[in-house]
């Protein structure tokens, strides 16, 4: 006979304290984990919009849509991109603080990355 524990069965590796760390001055950015090296936009922004990233202010170079990522700090080529506490890919080149992080400068470490403009061999 199997004796069941009275305590809930919760895998330890799934239990995490989530503390959101939004951009305090504008409430436009979200960073879930201390390990994240990108922020996620909570709203669309126009080119020229200033964003406060910690003690540094950056100016958005191009209009970006809700949900897109920007670098929270300088990221070097080959470094893992971490979003929501999990690696989502690797930088294909150096990425500056505040720069848009997307298919043009990262690649998935898990699946092929395709875009509408990709050429196939």
Protein backbone atom coordinates (compact mmCIF):
# COMPACT_ATOMS: atom_id res chain seq x y z
CA UNK A 1 0.00 0.00 0.00
CA UNK A 2 1.28 3.47 -0.92
CA UNK A 3 1.11 6.06 1.80
CA UNK A 4 0.37 9.54 0.51
CA UNK A 5 1.92 12.64 1.96
CA UNK A 6 -0.40 15.30 3.36
CA UNK A 7 1.79 18.05 1.92
CA UNK A 8 1.16 19.34 -1.60
CA UNK A 9 3.48 17.94 -4.22
CA UNK A 10 5.13 20.90 -5.91
CA UNK A 11 8.34 20.37 -7.89
CA UNK A 12 10.95 22.66 -6.35
CA UNK A 13 12.43 23.67 -9.68
CA UNK A 14 9.09 25.15 -10.81
CA UNK A 15 8.54 27.22 -7.67
CA UNK A 16 9.99 30.64 -8.10
CA UNK A 17 9.37 33.99 -6.52
CA UNK A 18 8.42 36.35 -9.30
CA UNK A 19 9.13 39.98 -8.70
CA UNK A 20 8.35 42.33 -11.55
CA UNK A 21 10.87 45.06 -12.10
CA UNK A 22 9.26 47.62 -14.38
CA UNK A 23 10.94 50.74 -15.64
CA UNK A 24 9.95 52.93 -12.67
CA UNK A 25 9.69 56.26 -14.43
CA UNK A 26 7.64 55.30 -17.47
CA UNK A 27 6.07 51.91 -16.64
CA UNK A 28 6.83 50.88 -20.23
CA UNK A 29 9.23 48.03 -19.49
CA UNK A 30 8.98 44.70 -17.72
CA UNK A 31 11.77 42.55 -16.35
CA UNK A 32 10.65 39.45 -14.44
CA UNK A 33 13.94 37.99 -13.23
CA UNK A 34 17.21 39.43 -11.93
CA UNK A 35 18.86 37.19 -14.56
CA UNK A 36 17.01 38.81 -17.50
CA UNK A 37 19.28 40.79 -19.81
CA UNK A 38 16.32 42.15 -21.79
CA UNK A 39 13.27 44.22 -20.96
CA UNK A 40 9.89 43.56 -22.58
CA UNK A 41 7.86 46.53 -23.81
CA UNK A 42 4.46 46.86 -22.12
CA UNK A 43 3.31 49.29 -24.79
CA UNK A 44 4.26 50.33 -28.30
CA UNK A 45 6.82 53.15 -28.43
CA UNK A 46 7.74 55.64 -31.12
CA UNK A 47 11.24 56.33 -32.37
CA UNK A 48 12.83 58.97 -30.16
CA UNK A 49 11.07 57.83 -26.97
CA UNK A 50 13.40 58.11 -23.94
CA UNK A 51 13.47 55.07 -21.62
CA UNK A 52 15.03 54.94 -18.17
CA UNK A 53 17.06 51.73 -17.79
CA UNK A 54 18.28 51.81 -14.21
CA UNK A 55 20.52 54.86 -13.99
CA UNK A 56 20.89 55.14 -17.76
CA UNK A 57 18.50 56.88 -20.16
CA UNK A 58 18.37 55.53 -23.71
CA UNK A 59 16.51 56.84 -26.75
CA UNK A 60 14.55 54.30 -28.81
CA UNK A 61 15.97 54.34 -32.36
CA UNK A 62 12.98 52.81 -34.18
CA UNK A 63 9.28 52.44 -33.40
CA UNK A 64 8.71 49.17 -31.52
CA UNK A 65 5.54 47.21 -30.83
CA UNK A 66 4.16 45.87 -27.56
CA UNK A 67 6.00 42.71 -26.45
CA UNK A 68 9.27 43.44 -28.24
CA UNK A 69 12.53 43.24 -26.30
CA UNK A 70 15.29 45.77 -25.68
CA UNK A 71 18.68 45.08 -24.12
CA UNK A 72 18.84 45.87 -20.39
CA UNK A 73 22.64 46.08 -20.64
CA UNK A 74 25.37 45.53 -23.21
CA UNK A 75 25.21 41.95 -24.51
CA UNK A 76 28.20 40.38 -26.26
CA UNK A 77 28.08 38.20 -29.36
CA UNK A 78 27.43 34.57 -28.39
CA UNK A 79 25.96 35.45 -24.98
CA UNK A 80 22.63 33.86 -24.00
CA UNK A 81 19.55 36.10 -24.22
CA UNK A 82 17.56 35.62 -21.00
CA UNK A 83 13.86 36.57 -20.86
CA UNK A 84 11.52 35.74 -17.95
CA UNK A 85 14.43 33.92 -16.27
CA UNK A 86 14.94 31.47 -19.15
CA UNK A 87 17.43 31.50 -22.05
CA UNK A 88 15.65 32.04 -25.37
CA UNK A 89 18.63 32.16 -27.72
CA UNK A 90 22.08 33.66 -28.31
CA UNK A 91 23.23 37.05 -29.56
CA UNK A 92 24.61 36.86 -33.10
CA UNK A 93 26.50 40.14 -32.60
CA UNK A 94 27.19 42.68 -29.86
CA UNK A 95 23.98 44.43 -28.72
CA UNK A 96 24.05 47.85 -27.03
CA UNK A 97 22.01 48.79 -23.95
CA UNK A 98 18.54 49.90 -25.12
CA UNK A 99 18.89 48.34 -28.57
CA UNK A 100 16.03 46.30 -30.07
CA UNK A 101 16.61 42.56 -29.51
CA UNK A 102 14.93 40.47 -32.20
CA UNK A 103 15.61 38.12 -35.14
CA UNK A 104 18.17 40.47 -36.68
CA UNK A 105 20.58 40.04 -33.74
CA UNK A 106 19.65 36.78 -31.97
CA UNK A 107 19.15 33.17 -32.98
CA UNK A 108 17.28 30.39 -31.24
CA UNK A 109 19.40 27.70 -29.64
CA UNK A 110 16.44 25.33 -29.84
CA UNK A 111 14.67 25.62 -33.19
CA UNK A 112 15.50 27.07 -36.61
CA UNK A 113 14.67 30.76 -36.91
CA UNK A 114 12.73 31.71 -40.02
CA UNK A 115 11.54 35.08 -41.22
CA UNK A 116 9.50 36.11 -44.23
CA UNK A 117 12.69 37.51 -45.78
CA UNK A 118 14.84 34.41 -45.14
CA UNK A 119 16.50 32.75 -48.10
CA UNK A 120 16.49 28.97 -48.12
CA UNK A 121 19.25 26.77 -49.58
